[in-house]
Amino acid sequence: NELLKLILINKELCKIIFNEKNSAYVLNTVLNSAHDITIAEIKKQLPN
């Protein structure tokens, strides 16, 4: 929610940053910062 609020506050800049060419890379970088924590949580739900 905070990430989305930051995008909304910086709407025009984010439209440039998150254009078709760059958006997957930028958002992927942000989401990958939580990789290890997310994997651990998934593992709890899918122990096998």
ModelCIF file with pLDDT and N, C-alpha, C, O atoms, coordinates in Angstrom:
data_MODEL
#
_entry.id   MODEL 
#
_entity.id                         1 
_entity.type                       polymer 
_entity.pdbx_number_of_molecules   1 
#
_entity_poly.entity_id                      1 
_entity_poly.type                           'polypeptide(L)' 
_entity_poly.nstd_linkage                   no 
_entity_poly.nstd_monomer                   no 
_entity_poly.pdbx_seq_one_letter_code       NELLKLILINKELCKIIFNEKNSAYVLNTVLNSAHDITIAEIKKQLPN 
_entity_poly.pdbx_seq_one_letter_code_can   NELLKLILINKELCKIIFNEKNSAYVLNTVLNSAHDITIAEIKKQLPN 
_entity_poly.pdbx_strand_id                 A 
#
loop_
_entity_poly_seq.entity_id 
_entity_poly_seq.num 
_entity_poly_seq.mon_id 
_entity_poly_seq.hetero 
1 1  ASN n 
1 2  GLU n 
1 3  LEU n 
1 4  LEU n 
1 5  LYS n 
1 6  LEU n 
1 7  ILE n 
1 8  LEU n 
1 9  ILE n 
1 10 ASN n 
1 11 LYS n 
1 12 GLU n 
1 13 LEU n 
1 14 CYS n 
1 15 LYS n 
1 16 ILE n 
1 17 ILE n 
1 18 PHE n 
1 19 ASN n 
1 20 GLU n 
1 21 LYS n 
1 22 ASN n 
1 23 SER n 
1 24 ALA n 
1 25 TYR n 
1 26 VAL n 
1 27 LEU n 
1 28 ASN n 
1 29 THR n 
1 30 VAL n 
1 31 LEU n 
1 32 ASN n 
1 33 SER n 
1 34 ALA n 
1 35 HIS n 
1 36 ASP n 
1 37 ILE n 
1 38 THR n 
1 39 ILE n 
1 40 ALA n 
1 41 GLU n 
1 42 ILE n 
1 43 LYS n 
1 44 LYS n 
1 45 GLN n 
1 46 LEU n 
1 47 PRO n 
1 48 ASN n 
#
_struct_asym.id          A 
_struct_asym.entity_id   1 
#
loop_
_ma_qa_metric.id 
_ma_qa_metric.mode 
_ma_qa_metric.name 
_ma_qa_metric.software_group_id 
_ma_qa_metric.type 
1 global pLDDT . pLDDT 
2 local  pLDDT . pLDDT 
#
_ma_qa_metric_global.metric_id      1 
_ma_qa_metric_global.metric_value   79.96 
_ma_qa_metric_global.model_id       1 
_ma_qa_metric_global.ordinal_id     1 
#
loop_
_ma_qa_metric_local.label_asym_id 
_ma_qa_metric_local.label_comp_id 
_ma_qa_metric_local.label_seq_id 
_ma_qa_metric_local.metric_id 
_ma_qa_metric_local.metric_value 
_ma_qa_metric_local.model_id 
_ma_qa_metric_local.ordinal_id 
A ASN 1  2 84.00 1 1  
A GLU 2  2 86.00 1 2  
A LEU 3  2 84.00 1 3  
A LEU 4  2 90.00 1 4  
A LYS 5  2 90.00 1 5  
A LEU 6  2 89.00 1 6  
A ILE 7  2 88.00 1 7  
A LEU 8  2 88.00 1 8  
A ILE 9  2 91.00 1 9  
A ASN 10 2 88.00 1 10 
A LYS 11 2 87.00 1 11 
A GLU 12 2 86.00 1 12 
A LEU 13 2 83.00 1 13 
A CYS 14 2 80.00 1 14 
A LYS 15 2 79.00 1 15 
A ILE 16 2 77.00 1 16 
A ILE 17 2 76.00 1 17 
A PHE 18 2 73.00 1 18 
A ASN 19 2 70.00 1 19 
A GLU 20 2 65.00 1 20 
A LYS 21 2 68.00 1 21 
A ASN 22 2 65.00 1 22 
A SER 23 2 61.00 1 23 
A ALA 24 2 64.00 1 24 
A TYR 25 2 72.00 1 25 
A VAL 26 2 72.00 1 26 
A LEU 27 2 68.00 1 27 
A ASN 28 2 71.00 1 28 
A THR 29 2 76.00 1 29 
A VAL 30 2 72.00 1 30 
A LEU 31 2 71.00 1 31 
A ASN 32 2 73.00 1 32 
A SER 33 2 77.00 1 33 
A ALA 34 2 76.00 1 34 
A HIS 35 2 84.00 1 35 
A ASP 36 2 84.00 1 36 
A ILE 37 2 82.00 1 37 
A THR 38 2 81.00 1 38 
A ILE 39 2 87.00 1 39 
A ALA 40 2 87.00 1 40 
A GLU 41 2 82.00 1 41 
A ILE 42 2 84.00 1 42 
A LYS 43 2 88.00 1 43 
A LYS 44 2 86.00 1 44 
A GLN 45 2 83.00 1 45 
A LEU 46 2 87.00 1 46 
A PRO 47 2 90.00 1 47 
A ASN 48 2 93.00 1 48 
#
loop_
_atom_site.group_PDB 
_atom_site.id 
_atom_site.type_symbol 
_atom_site.label_atom_id 
_atom_site.label_alt_id 
_atom_site.label_comp_id 
_atom_site.label_asym_id 
_atom_site.label_entity_id 
_atom_site.label_seq_id 
_atom_site.pdbx_PDB_ins_code 
_atom_site.Cartn_x 
_atom_site.Cartn_y 
_atom_site.Cartn_z 
_atom_site.occupancy 
_atom_site.B_iso_or_equiv 
_atom_site.pdbx_formal_charge 
_atom_site.auth_seq_id 
_atom_site.auth_comp_id 
_atom_site.auth_asym_id 
_atom_site.auth_atom_id 
_atom_site.pdbx_PDB_model_num 
ATOM 1   N N  . ASN A 1 1  ? 0.834  -1.209  0.000   1.00 84.00 ? 1  ASN A N  1 
ATOM 2   C CA . ASN A 1 1  ? 0.000  0.000   0.000   1.00 84.00 ? 1  ASN A CA 1 
ATOM 3   C C  . ASN A 1 1  ? 0.865  1.254   0.000   1.00 84.00 ? 1  ASN A C  1 
ATOM 4   O O  . ASN A 1 1  ? 0.557  2.212   -0.709  1.00 84.00 ? 1  ASN A O  1 
ATOM 5   N N  . GLU A 1 2  ? 1.932  1.265   0.775   1.00 86.00 ? 2  GLU A N  1 
ATOM 6   C CA . GLU A 1 2  ? 2.833  2.421   0.807   1.00 86.00 ? 2  GLU A CA 1 
ATOM 7   C C  . GLU A 1 2  ? 3.539  2.609   -0.539  1.00 86.00 ? 2  GLU A C  1 
ATOM 8   O O  . GLU A 1 2  ? 3.716  3.738   -0.995  1.00 86.00 ? 2  GLU A O  1 
ATOM 9   N N  . LEU A 1 3  ? 3.940  1.511   -1.168  1.00 84.00 ? 3  LEU A N  1 
ATOM 10  C CA . LEU A 1 3  ? 4.558  1.586   -2.492  1.00 84.00 ? 3  LEU A CA 1 
ATOM 11  C C  . LEU A 1 3  ? 3.591  2.218   -3.489  1.00 84.00 ? 3  LEU A C  1 
ATOM 12  O O  . LEU A 1 3  ? 3.974  3.093   -4.266  1.00 84.00 ? 3  LEU A O  1 
ATOM 13  N N  . LEU A 1 4  ? 2.346  1.775   -3.463  1.00 90.00 ? 4  LEU A N  1 
ATOM 14  C CA . LEU A 1 4  ? 1.344  2.326   -4.382  1.00 90.00 ? 4  LEU A CA 1 
ATOM 15  C C  . LEU A 1 4  ? 1.076  3.800   -4.101  1.00 90.00 ? 4  LEU A C  1 
ATOM 16  O O  . LEU A 1 4  ? 0.880  4.588   -5.026  1.00 90.00 ? 4  LEU A O  1 
ATOM 17  N N  . LYS A 1 5  ? 1.068  4.168   -2.830  1.00 90.00 ? 5  LYS A N  1 
ATOM 18  C CA . LYS A 1 5  ? 0.873  5.577   -2.479  1.00 90.00 ? 5  LYS A CA 1 
ATOM 19  C C  . LYS A 1 5  ? 2.026  6.441   -2.990  1.00 90.00 ? 5  LYS A C  1 
ATOM 20  O O  . LYS A 1 5  ? 1.805  7.549   -3.480  1.00 90.00 ? 5  LYS A O  1 
ATOM 21  N N  . LEU A 1 6  ? 3.250  5.935   -2.874  1.00 89.00 ? 6  LEU A N  1 
ATOM 22  C CA . LEU A 1 6  ? 4.411  6.664   -3.402  1.00 89.00 ? 6  LEU A CA 1 
ATOM 23  C C  . LEU A 1 6  ? 4.318  6.834   -4.915  1.00 89.00 ? 6  LEU A C  1 
ATOM 24  O O  . LEU A 1 6  ? 4.641  7.894   -5.452  1.00 89.00 ? 6  LEU A O  1 
ATOM 25  N N  . ILE A 1 7  ? 3.879  5.789   -5.590  1.00 88.00 ? 7  ILE A N  1 
ATOM 26  C CA . ILE A 1 7  ? 3.690  5.880   -7.039  1.00 88.00 ? 7  ILE A CA 1 
ATOM 27  C C  . ILE A 1 7  ? 2.643  6.938   -7.353  1.00 88.00 ? 7  ILE A C  1 
ATOM 28  O O  . ILE A 1 7  ? 2.827  7.748   -8.262  1.00 88.00 ? 7  ILE A O  1 
ATOM 29  N N  . LEU A 1 8  ? 1.548  6.933   -6.607  1.00 88.00 ? 8  LEU A N  1 
ATOM 30  C CA . LEU A 1 8  ? 0.465  7.888   -6.836  1.00 88.00 ? 8  LEU A CA 1 
ATOM 31  C C  . LEU A 1 8  ? 0.912  9.327   -6.584  1.00 88.00 ? 8  LEU A C  1 
ATOM 32  O O  . LEU A 1 8  ? 0.568  10.226  -7.351  1.00 88.00 ? 8  LEU A O  1 
ATOM 33  N N  . ILE A 1 9  ? 1.666  9.544   -5.530  1.00 91.00 ? 9  ILE A N  1 
ATOM 34  C CA . ILE A 1 9  ? 2.168  10.888  -5.205  1.00 91.00 ? 9  ILE A CA 1 
ATOM 35  C C  . ILE A 1 9  ? 3.087  11.402  -6.311  1.00 91.00 ? 9  ILE A C  1 
ATOM 36  O O  . ILE A 1 9  ? 3.081  12.590  -6.633  1.00 91.00 ? 9  ILE A O  1 
ATOM 37  N N  . ASN A 1 10 ? 3.868  10.508  -6.883  1.00 88.00 ? 10 ASN A N  1 
ATOM 38  C CA . ASN A 1 10 ? 4.821  10.859  -7.939  1.00 88.00 ? 10 ASN A CA 1 
ATOM 39  C C  . ASN A 1 10 ? 4.316  10.374  -9.301  1.00 88.00 ? 10 ASN A C  1 
ATOM 40  O O  . ASN A 1 10 ? 5.069  9.814   -10.097 1.00 88.00 ? 10 ASN A O  1 
ATOM 41  N N  . LYS A 1 11 ? 3.048  10.600  -9.542  1.00 87.00 ? 11 LYS A N  1 
ATOM 42  C CA . LYS A 1 11 ? 2.336  10.057  -10.697 1.00 87.00 ? 11 LYS A CA 1 
ATOM 43  C C  . LYS A 1 11 ? 3.040  10.299  -12.036 1.00 87.00 ? 11 LYS A C  1 
ATOM 44  O O  . LYS A 1 11 ? 3.284  9.353   -12.785 1.00 87.00 ? 11 LYS A O  1 
ATOM 45  N N  . GLU A 1 12 ? 3.361  11.535  -12.335 1.00 86.00 ? 12 GLU A N  1 
ATOM 46  C CA . GLU A 1 12 ? 3.947  11.844  -13.642 1.00 86.00 ? 12 GLU A CA 1 
ATOM 47  C C  . GLU A 1 12 ? 5.330  11.226  -13.813 1.00 86.00 ? 12 GLU A C  1 
ATOM 48  O O  . GLU A 1 12 ? 5.646  10.680  -14.870 1.00 86.00 ? 12 GLU A O  1 
ATOM 49  N N  . LEU A 1 13 ? 6.142  11.312  -12.785 1.00 83.00 ? 13 LEU A N  1 
ATOM 50  C CA . LEU A 1 13 ? 7.466  10.705  -12.842 1.00 83.00 ? 13 LEU A CA 1 
ATOM 51  C C  . LEU A 1 13 ? 7.351  9.188   -12.993 1.00 83.00 ? 13 LEU A C  1 
ATOM 52  O O  . LEU A 1 13 ? 8.093  8.580   -13.764 1.00 83.00 ? 13 LEU A O  1 
ATOM 53  N N  . CYS A 1 14 ? 6.434  8.590   -12.265 1.00 80.00 ? 14 CYS A N  1 
ATOM 54  C CA . CYS A 1 14 ? 6.276  7.137   -12.320 1.00 80.00 ? 14 CYS A CA 1 
ATOM 55  C C  . CYS A 1 14 ? 5.772  6.661   -13.673 1.00 80.00 ? 14 CYS A C  1 
ATOM 56  O O  . CYS A 1 14 ? 6.102  5.557   -14.107 1.00 80.00 ? 14 CYS A O  1 
ATOM 57  N N  . LYS A 1 15 ? 4.979  7.480   -14.337 1.00 79.00 ? 15 LYS A N  1 
ATOM 58  C CA . LYS A 1 15 ? 4.535  7.099   -15.679 1.00 79.00 ? 15 LYS A CA 1 
ATOM 59  C C  . LYS A 1 15 ? 5.731  6.984   -16.615 1.00 79.00 ? 15 LYS A C  1 
ATOM 60  O O  . LYS A 1 15 ? 5.748  6.139   -17.510 1.00 79.00 ? 15 LYS A O  1 
ATOM 61  N N  . ILE A 1 16 ? 6.713  7.823   -16.411 1.00 77.00 ? 16 ILE A N  1 
ATOM 62  C CA . ILE A 1 16 ? 7.930  7.769   -17.230 1.00 77.00 ? 16 ILE A CA 1 
ATOM 63  C C  . ILE A 1 16 ? 8.786  6.568   -16.816 1.00 77.00 ? 16 ILE A C  1 
ATOM 64  O O  . ILE A 1 16 ? 9.244  5.803   -17.664 1.00 77.00 ? 16 ILE A O  1 
ATOM 65  N N  . ILE A 1 17 ? 8.994  6.412   -15.518 1.00 76.00 ? 17 ILE A N  1 
ATOM 66  C CA . ILE A 1 17 ? 9.834  5.326   -15.011 1.00 76.00 ? 17 ILE A CA 1 
ATOM 67  C C  . ILE A 1 17 ? 9.221  3.966   -15.319 1.00 76.00 ? 17 ILE A C  1 
ATOM 68  O O  . ILE A 1 17 ? 9.924  3.032   -15.705 1.00 76.00 ? 17 ILE A O  1 
ATOM 69  N N  . PHE A 1 18 ? 7.911  3.864   -15.145 1.00 73.00 ? 18 PHE A N  1 
ATOM 70  C CA . PHE A 1 18 ? 7.227  2.580   -15.319 1.00 73.00 ? 18 PHE A CA 1 
ATOM 71  C C  . PHE A 1 18 ? 6.631  2.416   -16.709 1.00 73.00 ? 18 PHE A C  1 
ATOM 72  O O  . PHE A 1 18 ? 5.608  1.749   -16.866 1.00 73.00 ? 18 PHE A O  1 
ATOM 73  N N  . ASN A 1 19 ? 7.247  3.010   -17.710 1.00 70.00 ? 19 ASN A N  1 
ATOM 74  C CA . ASN A 1 19 ? 6.747  2.816   -19.067 1.00 70.00 ? 19 ASN A CA 1 
ATOM 75  C C  . ASN A 1 19 ? 6.931  1.359   -19.460 1.00 70.00 ? 19 ASN A C  1 
ATOM 76  O O  . ASN A 1 19 ? 7.565  0.595   -18.733 1.00 70.00 ? 19 ASN A O  1 
ATOM 77  N N  . GLU A 1 20 ? 6.387  0.974   -20.590 1.00 65.00 ? 20 GLU A N  1 
ATOM 78  C CA . GLU A 1 20 ? 6.447  -0.422  -21.032 1.00 65.00 ? 20 GLU A CA 1 
ATOM 79  C C  . GLU A 1 20 ? 7.866  -0.986  -21.045 1.00 65.00 ? 20 GLU A C  1 
ATOM 80  O O  . GLU A 1 20 ? 8.072  -2.165  -20.755 1.00 65.00 ? 20 GLU A O  1 
ATOM 81  N N  . LYS A 1 21 ? 8.827  -0.158  -21.376 1.00 68.00 ? 21 LYS A N  1 
ATOM 82  C CA . LYS A 1 21 ? 10.206 -0.627  -21.501 1.00 68.00 ? 21 LYS A CA 1 
ATOM 83  C C  . LYS A 1 21 ? 10.861 -0.880  -20.137 1.00 68.00 ? 21 LYS A C  1 
ATOM 84  O O  . LYS A 1 21 ? 11.615 -1.840  -19.975 1.00 68.00 ? 21 LYS A O  1 
ATOM 85  N N  . ASN A 1 22 ? 10.570 -0.017  -19.164 1.00 65.00 ? 22 ASN A N  1 
ATOM 86  C CA . ASN A 1 22 ? 11.272 -0.075  -17.882 1.00 65.00 ? 22 ASN A CA 1 
ATOM 87  C C  . ASN A 1 22 ? 10.490 -0.705  -16.738 1.00 65.00 ? 22 ASN A C  1 
ATOM 88  O O  . ASN A 1 22 ? 11.095 -1.167  -15.770 1.00 65.00 ? 22 ASN A O  1 
ATOM 89  N N  . SER A 1 23 ? 9.175  -0.737  -16.819 1.00 61.00 ? 23 SER A N  1 
ATOM 90  C CA . SER A 1 23 ? 8.367  -1.054  -15.640 1.00 61.00 ? 23 SER A CA 1 
ATOM 91  C C  . SER A 1 23 ? 8.679  -2.409  -15.030 1.00 61.00 ? 23 SER A C  1 
ATOM 92  O O  . SER A 1 23 ? 8.812  -2.514  -13.811 1.00 61.00 ? 23 SER A O  1 
ATOM 93  N N  . ALA A 1 24 ? 8.797  -3.441  -15.838 1.00 64.00 ? 24 ALA A N  1 
ATOM 94  C CA . ALA A 1 24 ? 9.056  -4.764  -15.272 1.00 64.00 ? 24 ALA A CA 1 
ATOM 95  C C  . ALA A 1 24 ? 10.372 -4.776  -14.506 1.00 64.00 ? 24 ALA A C  1 
ATOM 96  O O  . ALA A 1 24 ? 10.454 -5.360  -13.426 1.00 64.00 ? 24 ALA A O  1 
ATOM 97  N N  . TYR A 1 25 ? 11.392 -4.143  -15.052 1.00 72.00 ? 25 TYR A N  1 
ATOM 98  C CA . TYR A 1 25 ? 12.695 -4.107  -14.390 1.00 72.00 ? 25 TYR A CA 1 
ATOM 99  C C  . TYR A 1 25 ? 12.614 -3.369  -13.054 1.00 72.00 ? 25 TYR A C  1 
ATOM 100 O O  . TYR A 1 25 ? 13.095 -3.871  -12.038 1.00 72.00 ? 25 TYR A O  1 
ATOM 101 N N  . VAL A 1 26 ? 12.009 -2.183  -13.050 1.00 72.00 ? 26 VAL A N  1 
ATOM 102 C CA . VAL A 1 26 ? 11.936 -1.368  -11.833 1.00 72.00 ? 26 VAL A CA 1 
ATOM 103 C C  . VAL A 1 26 ? 11.113 -2.076  -10.761 1.00 72.00 ? 26 VAL A C  1 
ATOM 104 O O  . VAL A 1 26 ? 11.561 -2.211  -9.622  1.00 72.00 ? 26 VAL A O  1 
ATOM 105 N N  . LEU A 1 27 ? 9.917  -2.526  -11.117 1.00 68.00 ? 27 LEU A N  1 
ATOM 106 C CA . LEU A 1 27 ? 9.060  -3.191  -10.135 1.00 68.00 ? 27 LEU A CA 1 
ATOM 107 C C  . LEU A 1 27 ? 9.667  -4.510  -9.667  1.00 68.00 ? 27 LEU A C  1 
ATOM 108 O O  . LEU A 1 27 ? 9.564  -4.865  -8.493  1.00 68.00 ? 27 LEU A O  1 
ATOM 109 N N  . ASN A 1 28 ? 10.292 -5.226  -10.579 1.00 71.00 ? 28 ASN A N  1 
ATOM 110 C CA . ASN A 1 28 ? 10.940 -6.484  -10.214 1.00 71.00 ? 28 ASN A CA 1 
ATOM 111 C C  . ASN A 1 28 ? 12.057 -6.249  -9.205  1.00 71.00 ? 28 ASN A C  1 
ATOM 112 O O  . ASN A 1 28 ? 12.224 -7.034  -8.272  1.00 71.00 ? 28 ASN A O  1 
ATOM 113 N N  . THR A 1 29 ? 12.814 -5.188  -9.384  1.00 76.00 ? 29 THR A N  1 
ATOM 114 C CA . THR A 1 29 ? 13.882 -4.842  -8.449  1.00 76.00 ? 29 THR A CA 1 
ATOM 115 C C  . THR A 1 29 ? 13.304 -4.578  -7.057  1.00 76.00 ? 29 THR A C  1 
ATOM 116 O O  . THR A 1 29 ? 13.850 -5.034  -6.052  1.00 76.00 ? 29 THR A O  1 
ATOM 117 N N  . VAL A 1 30 ? 12.206 -3.844  -7.011  1.00 72.00 ? 30 VAL A N  1 
ATOM 118 C CA . VAL A 1 30 ? 11.560 -3.540  -5.723  1.00 72.00 ? 30 VAL A CA 1 
ATOM 119 C C  . VAL A 1 30 ? 11.060 -4.829  -5.077  1.00 72.00 ? 30 VAL A C  1 
ATOM 120 O O  . VAL A 1 30 ? 11.322 -5.075  -3.900  1.00 72.00 ? 30 VAL A O  1 
ATOM 121 N N  . LEU A 1 31 ? 10.352 -5.643  -5.832  1.00 71.00 ? 31 LEU A N  1 
ATOM 122 C CA . LEU A 1 31 ? 9.788  -6.871  -5.256  1.00 71.00 ? 31 LEU A CA 1 
ATOM 123 C C  . LEU A 1 31 ? 10.864 -7.882  -4.884  1.00 71.00 ? 31 LEU A C  1 
ATOM 124 O O  . LEU A 1 31 ? 10.711 -8.609  -3.903  1.00 71.00 ? 31 LEU A O  1 
ATOM 125 N N  . ASN A 1 32 ? 11.945 -7.941  -5.648  1.00 73.00 ? 32 ASN A N  1 
ATOM 126 C CA . ASN A 1 32 ? 13.025 -8.881  -5.334  1.00 73.00 ? 32 ASN A CA 1 
ATOM 127 C C  . ASN A 1 32 ? 13.757 -8.529  -4.046  1.00 73.00 ? 32 ASN A C  1 
ATOM 128 O O  . ASN A 1 32 ? 14.447 -9.369  -3.469  1.00 73.00 ? 32 ASN A O  1 
ATOM 129 N N  . SER A 1 33 ? 13.608 -7.298  -3.601  1.00 77.00 ? 33 SER A N  1 
ATOM 130 C CA . SER A 1 33 ? 14.244 -6.925  -2.336  1.00 77.00 ? 33 SER A CA 1 
ATOM 131 C C  . SER A 1 33 ? 13.647 -7.713  -1.171  1.00 77.00 ? 33 SER A C  1 
ATOM 132 O O  . SER A 1 33 ? 14.271 -7.826  -0.116  1.00 77.00 ? 33 SER A O  1 
ATOM 133 N N  . ALA A 1 34 ? 12.460 -8.252  -1.353  1.00 76.00 ? 34 ALA A N  1 
ATOM 134 C CA . ALA A 1 34 ? 11.809 -9.049  -0.311  1.00 76.00 ? 34 ALA A CA 1 
ATOM 135 C C  . ALA A 1 34 ? 11.875 -10.546 -0.628  1.00 76.00 ? 34 ALA A C  1 
ATOM 136 O O  . ALA A 1 34 ? 11.116 -11.333 -0.061  1.00 76.00 ? 34 ALA A O  1 
ATOM 137 N N  . HIS A 1 35 ? 12.773 -10.938 -1.526  1.00 84.00 ? 35 HIS A N  1 
ATOM 138 C CA . HIS A 1 35 ? 12.857 -12.317 -1.997  1.00 84.00 ? 35 HIS A CA 1 
ATOM 139 C C  . HIS A 1 35 ? 12.966 -13.336 -0.870  1.00 84.00 ? 35 HIS A C  1 
ATOM 140 O O  . HIS A 1 35 ? 12.128 -14.232 -0.769  1.00 84.00 ? 35 HIS A O  1 
ATOM 141 N N  . ASP A 1 36 ? 13.975 -13.217 -0.029  1.00 84.00 ? 36 ASP A N  1 
ATOM 142 C CA . ASP A 1 36 ? 14.235 -14.230 1.001   1.00 84.00 ? 36 ASP A CA 1 
ATOM 143 C C  . ASP A 1 36 ? 13.085 -14.346 1.992   1.00 84.00 ? 36 ASP A C  1 
ATOM 144 O O  . ASP A 1 36 ? 12.707 -15.451 2.382   1.00 84.00 ? 36 ASP A O  1 
ATOM 145 N N  . ILE A 1 37 ? 12.535 -13.225 2.396   1.00 82.00 ? 37 ILE A N  1 
ATOM 146 C CA . ILE A 1 37 ? 11.409 -13.236 3.333   1.00 82.00 ? 37 ILE A CA 1 
ATOM 147 C C  . ILE A 1 37 ? 10.197 -13.894 2.688   1.00 82.00 ? 37 ILE A C  1 
ATOM 148 O O  . ILE A 1 37 ? 9.504  -14.693 3.316   1.00 82.00 ? 37 ILE A O  1 
ATOM 149 N N  . THR A 1 38 ? 9.952  -13.553 1.436   1.00 81.00 ? 38 THR A N  1 
ATOM 150 C CA . THR A 1 38 ? 8.802  -14.110 0.728   1.00 81.00 ? 38 THR A CA 1 
ATOM 151 C C  . THR A 1 38 ? 8.952  -15.615 0.522   1.00 81.00 ? 38 THR A C  1 
ATOM 152 O O  . THR A 1 38 ? 8.000  -16.369 0.720   1.00 81.00 ? 38 THR A O  1 
ATOM 153 N N  . ILE A 1 39 ? 10.140 -16.049 0.129   1.00 87.00 ? 39 ILE A N  1 
ATOM 154 C CA . ILE A 1 39 ? 10.389 -17.494 -0.050  1.00 87.00 ? 39 ILE A CA 1 
ATOM 155 C C  . ILE A 1 39 ? 10.142 -18.229 1.266   1.00 87.00 ? 39 ILE A C  1 
ATOM 156 O O  . ILE A 1 39 ? 9.537  -19.301 1.271   1.00 87.00 ? 39 ILE A O  1 
ATOM 157 N N  . ALA A 1 40 ? 10.600 -17.666 2.371   1.00 87.00 ? 40 ALA A N  1 
ATOM 158 C CA . ALA A 1 40 ? 10.391 -18.301 3.686   1.00 87.00 ? 40 ALA A CA 1 
ATOM 159 C C  . ALA A 1 40 ? 8.905  -18.419 4.010   1.00 87.00 ? 40 ALA A C  1 
ATOM 160 O O  . ALA A 1 40 ? 8.464  -19.430 4.556   1.00 87.00 ? 40 ALA A O  1 
ATOM 161 N N  . GLU A 1 41 ? 8.137  -17.391 3.675   1.00 82.00 ? 41 GLU A N  1 
ATOM 162 C CA . GLU A 1 41 ? 6.693  -17.427 3.931   1.00 82.00 ? 41 GLU A CA 1 
ATOM 163 C C  . GLU A 1 41 ? 5.999  -18.453 3.037   1.00 82.00 ? 41 GLU A C  1 
ATOM 164 O O  . GLU A 1 41 ? 5.114  -19.178 3.491   1.00 82.00 ? 41 GLU A O  1 
ATOM 165 N N  . ILE A 1 42 ? 6.395  -18.513 1.780   1.00 84.00 ? 42 ILE A N  1 
ATOM 166 C CA . ILE A 1 42 ? 5.811  -19.503 0.868   1.00 84.00 ? 42 ILE A CA 1 
ATOM 167 C C  . ILE A 1 42 ? 6.131  -20.906 1.357   1.00 84.00 ? 42 ILE A C  1 
ATOM 168 O O  . ILE A 1 42 ? 5.287  -21.800 1.303   1.00 84.00 ? 42 ILE A O  1 
ATOM 169 N N  . LYS A 1 43 ? 7.358  -21.092 1.836   1.00 88.00 ? 43 LYS A N  1 
ATOM 170 C CA . LYS A 1 43 ? 7.782  -22.408 2.325   1.00 88.00 ? 43 LYS A CA 1 
ATOM 171 C C  . LYS A 1 43 ? 6.944  -22.861 3.519   1.00 88.00 ? 43 LYS A C  1 
ATOM 172 O O  . LYS A 1 43 ? 6.672  -24.051 3.673   1.00 88.00 ? 43 LYS A O  1 
ATOM 173 N N  . LYS A 1 44 ? 6.540  -21.920 4.354   1.00 86.00 ? 44 LYS A N  1 
ATOM 174 C CA . LYS A 1 44 ? 5.669  -22.262 5.486   1.00 86.00 ? 44 LYS A CA 1 
ATOM 175 C C  . LYS A 1 44 ? 4.327  -22.790 4.992   1.00 86.00 ? 44 LYS A C  1 
ATOM 176 O O  . LYS A 1 44 ? 3.760  -23.717 5.570   1.00 86.00 ? 44 LYS A O  1 
ATOM 177 N N  . GLN A 1 45 ? 3.828  -22.188 3.916   1.00 83.00 ? 45 GLN A N  1 
ATOM 178 C CA . GLN A 1 45 ? 2.535  -22.586 3.372   1.00 83.00 ? 45 GLN A CA 1 
ATOM 179 C C  . GLN A 1 45 ? 2.628  -23.842 2.503   1.00 83.00 ? 45 GLN A C  1 
ATOM 180 O O  . GLN A 1 45 ? 1.668  -24.607 2.402   1.00 83.00 ? 45 GLN A O  1 
ATOM 181 N N  . LEU A 1 46 ? 3.779  -24.046 1.883   1.00 87.00 ? 46 LEU A N  1 
ATOM 182 C CA . LEU A 1 46 ? 4.006  -25.193 1.001   1.00 87.00 ? 46 LEU A CA 1 
ATOM 183 C C  . LEU A 1 46 ? 5.244  -25.956 1.465   1.00 87.00 ? 46 LEU A C  1 
ATOM 184 O O  . LEU A 1 46 ? 6.267  -25.946 0.780   1.00 87.00 ? 46 LEU A O  1 
ATOM 185 N N  . PRO A 1 47 ? 5.163  -26.618 2.624   1.00 90.00 ? 47 PRO A N  1 
ATOM 186 C CA . PRO A 1 47 ? 6.359  -27.236 3.209   1.00 90.00 ? 47 PRO A CA 1 
ATOM 187 C C  . PRO A 1 47 ? 6.973  -28.351 2.356   1.00 90.00 ? 47 PRO A C  1 
ATOM 188 O O  . PRO A 1 47 ? 8.155  -28.655 2.515   1.00 90.00 ? 47 PRO A O  1 
ATOM 189 N N  . ASN A 1 48 ? 6.206  -28.958 1.467   1.00 93.00 ? 48 ASN A N  1 
ATOM 190 C CA . ASN A 1 48 ? 6.737  -30.035 0.640   1.00 93.00 ? 48 ASN A CA 1 
ATOM 191 C C  . ASN A 1 48 ? 7.360  -29.543 -0.664  1.00 93.00 ? 48 ASN A C  1 
ATOM 192 O O  . ASN A 1 48 ? 7.847  -30.349 -1.457  1.00 93.00 ? 48 ASN A O  1 
#
